[in-house]
Every structure is written in structure tokens, then in C-alpha cells.
Amino acid sequence: MPDIESRVTNLTYPAWIDFDPDTFDSIDIVFPGAIGGAHLDPEGEETGVGVLYGFNAISLNYFLDSTSQEDVIR
């Protein structure tokens, strides 16, 4: 997060992939399913693909633990 906030790393729209070649781990974020009203760099505003500067809305999902019997009954 510090790299994104300091603009060392740019988030690209419509998808951003961070890949670690040493461990083969990756983090993939597909933005159209999570945000609305994307603000892109000038070239991205024309093409729809570019650096994400901001957005108007975000959809948050929370995963809850329902392993207790009381939770299962609900």
C-alpha cells in the first residue's frame, strides 16, 4: 500500500496484476466488478485502459465465519 500511495506503483484499469517471479504468487484485481465511476489518466479516459487515479464508488464484501451451530441455524 505505501508504494501505491506514494505512486511508486500505478494501478492499471481495468485490471491490475502483481506477480512475484521468485514465488510465482500473484495478486489480481479486476476493477469493473468492484468500483464505479473510474477516473483514469488522459489517455485512459479516451481508450478505457490506463492508470487509475480514483473512483466514485466501491463495493465491499465481507466473508463471515458461520462454523458454530448457532450461526448455521440462523
C-alpha atoms as a PDB file:
ATOM      1  CA  MET A   1       0.000   0.000   0.000  1.00  0.00           C
ATOM      2  CA  PRO A   2       2.783   2.525   0.688  1.00  0.00           C
ATOM      3  CA  ASP A   3       4.063   2.067  -2.895  1.00  0.00           C
ATOM      4  CA  ILE A   4       0.595   2.752  -4.299  1.00  0.00           C
ATOM      5  CA  GLU A   5       0.017   5.793  -2.076  1.00  0.00           C
ATOM      6  CA  SER A   6       3.430   7.253  -2.968  1.00  0.00           C
ATOM      7  CA  ARG A   7       2.794   6.492  -6.675  1.00  0.00           C
ATOM      8  CA  VAL A   8       5.804   4.192  -6.989  1.00  0.00           C
ATOM      9  CA  THR A   9       3.337   1.540  -8.224  1.00  0.00           C
ATOM     10  CA  ASN A  10       0.449   2.535 -10.506  1.00  0.00           C
ATOM     11  CA  LEU A  11      -2.827   0.624 -10.503  1.00  0.00           C
ATOM     12  CA  THR A  12      -3.914  -0.062 -14.064  1.00  0.00           C
ATOM     13  CA  TYR A  13      -7.543  -0.224 -15.197  1.00  0.00           C
ATOM     14  CA  PRO A  14      -9.460  -2.441 -15.983  1.00  0.00           C
ATOM     15  CA  ALA A  15      -7.204  -4.982 -14.244  1.00  0.00           C
ATOM     16  CA  TRP A  16      -4.058  -4.885 -12.139  1.00  0.00           C
ATOM     17  CA  ILE A  17      -1.758  -7.894 -11.685  1.00  0.00           C
ATOM     18  CA  ASP A  18       1.182  -8.009  -9.293  1.00  0.00           C
ATOM     19  CA  PHE A  19       3.379 -11.037  -9.968  1.00  0.00           C
ATOM     20  CA  ASP A  20       6.352 -12.233  -7.909  1.00  0.00           C
ATOM     21  CA  PRO A  21       8.652 -14.259 -10.220  1.00  0.00           C
ATOM     22  CA  ASP A  22      10.526 -15.768  -7.261  1.00  0.00           C
ATOM     23  CA  THR A  23       7.492 -17.362  -5.584  1.00  0.00           C
ATOM     24  CA  PHE A  24       5.064 -17.367  -8.545  1.00  0.00           C
ATOM     25  CA  ASP A  25       2.492 -15.662  -6.302  1.00  0.00           C
ATOM     26  CA  SER A  26       0.213 -13.101  -7.855  1.00  0.00           C
ATOM     27  CA  ILE A  27      -2.424 -10.641  -6.756  1.00  0.00           C
ATOM     28  CA  ASP A  28      -5.095  -9.913  -9.343  1.00  0.00           C
ATOM     29  CA  ILE A  29      -7.675  -7.146  -9.045  1.00  0.00           C
ATOM     30  CA  VAL A  30     -10.383  -6.717 -11.670  1.00  0.00           C
ATOM     31  CA  PHE A  31     -11.764  -3.235 -11.050  1.00  0.00           C
ATOM     32  CA  PRO A  32     -15.008  -3.071 -13.090  1.00  0.00           C
ATOM     33  CA  GLY A  33     -16.629  -5.570 -10.699  1.00  0.00           C
ATOM     34  CA  ALA A  34     -15.595  -3.630  -7.591  1.00  0.00           C
ATOM     35  CA  ILE A  35     -15.624   0.081  -8.389  1.00  0.00           C
ATOM     36  CA  GLY A  36     -17.794   2.541 -10.241  1.00  0.00           C
ATOM     37  CA  GLY A  37     -17.034   5.875 -11.874  1.00  0.00           C
ATOM     38  CA  ALA A  38     -13.358   5.248 -12.571  1.00  0.00           C
ATOM     39  CA  HIS A  39     -11.118   8.285 -13.160  1.00  0.00           C
ATOM     40  CA  LEU A  40      -8.189   7.468 -15.465  1.00  0.00           C
ATOM     41  CA  ASP A  41      -5.177   9.265 -16.887  1.00  0.00           C
ATOM     42  CA  PRO A  42      -5.916  11.390 -20.018  1.00  0.00           C
ATOM     43  CA  GLU A  43      -5.054   8.583 -22.456  1.00  0.00           C
ATOM     44  CA  GLY A  44      -7.078   6.115 -20.403  1.00  0.00           C
ATOM     45  CA  GLU A  45     -10.114   8.400 -20.473  1.00  0.00           C
ATOM     46  CA  GLU A  46     -10.059   8.122 -24.267  1.00  0.00           C
ATOM     47  CA  THR A  47      -9.338   4.399 -24.564  1.00  0.00           C
ATOM     48  CA  GLY A  48     -10.819   2.981 -21.346  1.00  0.00           C
ATOM     49  CA  VAL A  49      -7.465   1.396 -20.438  1.00  0.00           C
ATOM     50  CA  GLY A  50      -4.970   3.288 -18.315  1.00  0.00           C
ATOM     51  CA  VAL A  51      -3.691   4.339 -14.917  1.00  0.00           C
ATOM     52  CA  LEU A  52      -6.403   4.510 -12.253  1.00  0.00           C
ATOM     53  CA  TYR A  53      -6.439   7.899 -10.485  1.00  0.00           C
ATOM     54  CA  GLY A  54      -9.622   7.462  -8.451  1.00  0.00           C
ATOM     55  CA  PHE A  55     -13.246   6.337  -8.460  1.00  0.00           C
ATOM     56  CA  ASN A  56     -16.656   7.398  -7.167  1.00  0.00           C
ATOM     57  CA  ALA A  57     -17.929   4.193  -5.534  1.00  0.00           C
ATOM     58  CA  ILE A  58     -16.634   0.857  -4.253  1.00  0.00           C
ATOM     59  CA  SER A  59     -18.368  -2.428  -3.496  1.00  0.00           C
ATOM     60  CA  LEU A  60     -17.110  -4.080  -0.305  1.00  0.00           C
ATOM     61  CA  ASN A  61     -17.650  -7.756   0.505  1.00  0.00           C
ATOM     62  CA  TYR A  62     -17.209  -9.305   3.915  1.00  0.00           C
ATOM     63  CA  PHE A  63     -16.859 -13.026   4.480  1.00  0.00           C
ATOM     64  CA  LEU A  64     -18.252 -14.191   7.809  1.00  0.00           C
ATOM     65  CA  ASP A  65     -17.411 -17.275   9.821  1.00  0.00           C
ATOM     66  CA  SER A  66     -20.505 -19.454  10.183  1.00  0.00           C
ATOM     67  CA  THR A  67     -18.975 -22.591  11.609  1.00  0.00           C
ATOM     68  CA  SER A  68     -20.728 -22.510  15.006  1.00  0.00           C
ATOM     69  CA  GLN A  69     -24.041 -24.342  15.360  1.00  0.00           C
ATOM     70  CA  GLU A  70     -25.785 -21.088  16.326  1.00  0.00           C
ATOM     71  CA  ASP A  71     -24.631 -19.458  13.091  1.00  0.00           C
ATOM     72  CA  VAL A  72     -25.719 -22.442  10.989  1.00  0.00           C
ATOM     73  CA  ILE A  73     -29.233 -22.271  12.466  1.00  0.00           C
ATOM     74  CA  ARG A  74     -29.583 -18.597  11.568  1.00  0.00           C
END
